[in-house]
Amino acid sequence: MAPLDGVHFVQGNIEHEDVQEKISEKLGYEKADIVCSDAVPDFVGDRFIDHMNAVYLNKEILKLCGT
């Protein structure tokens, strides 16, 4: 992705501590005003499990960057 003014791009697994630290650094250890994520978990083929994994992943993103 081409750089955008005022946009911080971090690629990695949100569950990894080094990625969380990189995100926190980019945010200046403050909460984000806007979070845009295209994160998806690895799907296993069970709709319920896949849904719950997606919910968990999005909660982790919000916990780190937003609320």
C-alpha atoms as a PDB file:
ATOM      1  CA  MET A   1       0.000   0.000   0.000  1.00  0.00           C
ATOM      2  CA  ALA A   2       1.270   3.449  -0.867  1.00  0.00           C
ATOM      3  CA  PRO A   3       1.911   5.700   2.151  1.00  0.00           C
ATOM      4  CA  LEU A   4      -0.830   8.166   3.121  1.00  0.00           C
ATOM      5  CA  ASP A   5      -0.275  11.337   5.147  1.00  0.00           C
ATOM      6  CA  GLY A   6      -1.364  10.843   8.746  1.00  0.00           C
ATOM      7  CA  VAL A   7      -1.927   7.094   8.313  1.00  0.00           C
ATOM      8  CA  HIS A   8       0.151   4.533  10.206  1.00  0.00           C
ATOM      9  CA  PHE A   9       0.360   1.100   8.605  1.00  0.00           C
ATOM     10  CA  VAL A  10       1.407  -1.960  10.609  1.00  0.00           C
ATOM     11  CA  GLN A  11       1.374  -5.445   9.139  1.00  0.00           C
ATOM     12  CA  GLY A  12       1.497  -8.436  11.459  1.00  0.00           C
ATOM     13  CA  ASN A  13      -0.406 -10.671  13.851  1.00  0.00           C
ATOM     14  CA  ILE A  14      -2.262  -8.585  16.468  1.00  0.00           C
ATOM     15  CA  GLU A  15      -1.750 -11.413  18.977  1.00  0.00           C
ATOM     16  CA  HIS A  16       2.045 -11.053  18.843  1.00  0.00           C
ATOM     17  CA  GLU A  17       3.557  -8.802  21.490  1.00  0.00           C
ATOM     18  CA  ASP A  18       6.080  -7.224  19.088  1.00  0.00           C
ATOM     19  CA  VAL A  19       3.246  -6.200  16.724  1.00  0.00           C
ATOM     20  CA  GLN A  20       1.238  -4.764  19.638  1.00  0.00           C
ATOM     21  CA  GLU A  21       4.284  -2.755  20.711  1.00  0.00           C
ATOM     22  CA  LYS A  22       4.809  -1.448  17.166  1.00  0.00           C
ATOM     23  CA  ILE A  23       1.159  -0.339  17.014  1.00  0.00           C
ATOM     24  CA  SER A  24       1.407   1.334  20.420  1.00  0.00           C
ATOM     25  CA  GLU A  25       4.554   3.165  19.312  1.00  0.00           C
ATOM     26  CA  LYS A  26       2.842   4.391  16.120  1.00  0.00           C
ATOM     27  CA  LEU A  27      -0.055   5.688  18.248  1.00  0.00           C
ATOM     28  CA  GLY A  28       2.304   7.479  20.645  1.00  0.00           C
ATOM     29  CA  TYR A  29       0.930   5.196  23.386  1.00  0.00           C
ATOM     30  CA  GLU A  30      -2.455   6.915  23.042  1.00  0.00           C
ATOM     31  CA  LYS A  31      -5.809   5.551  21.862  1.00  0.00           C
ATOM     32  CA  ALA A  32      -6.600   5.743  18.148  1.00  0.00           C
ATOM     33  CA  ASP A  33      -9.255   8.067  16.712  1.00  0.00           C
ATOM     34  CA  ILE A  34      -9.994   5.670  13.851  1.00  0.00           C
ATOM     35  CA  VAL A  35      -9.071   2.013  13.390  1.00  0.00           C
ATOM     36  CA  CYS A  36      -9.294   0.336  10.001  1.00  0.00           C
ATOM     37  CA  SER A  37      -8.358  -3.320  10.015  1.00  0.00           C
ATOM     38  CA  ASP A  38      -8.635  -6.059   7.426  1.00  0.00           C
ATOM     39  CA  ALA A  39      -7.666  -8.751   9.911  1.00  0.00           C
ATOM     40  CA  VAL A  40      -9.277 -12.158   9.552  1.00  0.00           C
ATOM     41  CA  PRO A  41      -8.547 -15.343  11.461  1.00  0.00           C
ATOM     42  CA  ASP A  42      -7.598 -18.607   9.801  1.00  0.00           C
ATOM     43  CA  PHE A  43     -10.894 -20.276   8.965  1.00  0.00           C
ATOM     44  CA  VAL A  44     -11.466 -23.882  10.008  1.00  0.00           C
ATOM     45  CA  GLY A  45     -14.716 -24.477   8.097  1.00  0.00           C
ATOM     46  CA  ASP A  46     -17.088 -24.460  11.070  1.00  0.00           C
ATOM     47  CA  ARG A  47     -19.283 -21.347  10.815  1.00  0.00           C
ATOM     48  CA  PHE A  48     -19.687 -20.965  14.582  1.00  0.00           C
ATOM     49  CA  ILE A  49     -15.985 -21.379  15.374  1.00  0.00           C
ATOM     50  CA  ASP A  50     -14.981 -19.135  12.455  1.00  0.00           C
ATOM     51  CA  HIS A  51     -17.412 -16.455  13.655  1.00  0.00           C
ATOM     52  CA  MET A  52     -16.207 -16.638  17.255  1.00  0.00           C
ATOM     53  CA  ASN A  53     -12.561 -16.442  16.138  1.00  0.00           C
ATOM     54  CA  ALA A  54     -13.381 -13.336  14.070  1.00  0.00           C
ATOM     55  CA  VAL A  55     -15.175 -11.737  17.044  1.00  0.00           C
ATOM     56  CA  TYR A  56     -12.208 -12.517  19.309  1.00  0.00           C
ATOM     57  CA  LEU A  57      -9.748 -11.029  16.818  1.00  0.00           C
ATOM     58  CA  ASN A  58     -11.743  -7.824  16.445  1.00  0.00           C
ATOM     59  CA  LYS A  59     -12.064  -7.468  20.219  1.00  0.00           C
ATOM     60  CA  GLU A  60      -8.282  -7.748  20.509  1.00  0.00           C
ATOM     61  CA  ILE A  61      -7.865  -5.002  17.904  1.00  0.00           C
ATOM     62  CA  LEU A  62     -10.310  -2.706  19.707  1.00  0.00           C
ATOM     63  CA  LYS A  63      -8.758  -3.424  23.075  1.00  0.00           C
ATOM     64  CA  LEU A  64      -5.318  -2.412  21.830  1.00  0.00           C
ATOM     65  CA  CYS A  65      -6.240   0.534  19.609  1.00  0.00           C
ATOM     66  CA  GLY A  66      -9.573   1.913  20.665  1.00  0.00           C
ATOM     67  CA  THR A  67     -11.729   1.431  23.682  1.00  0.00           C
END
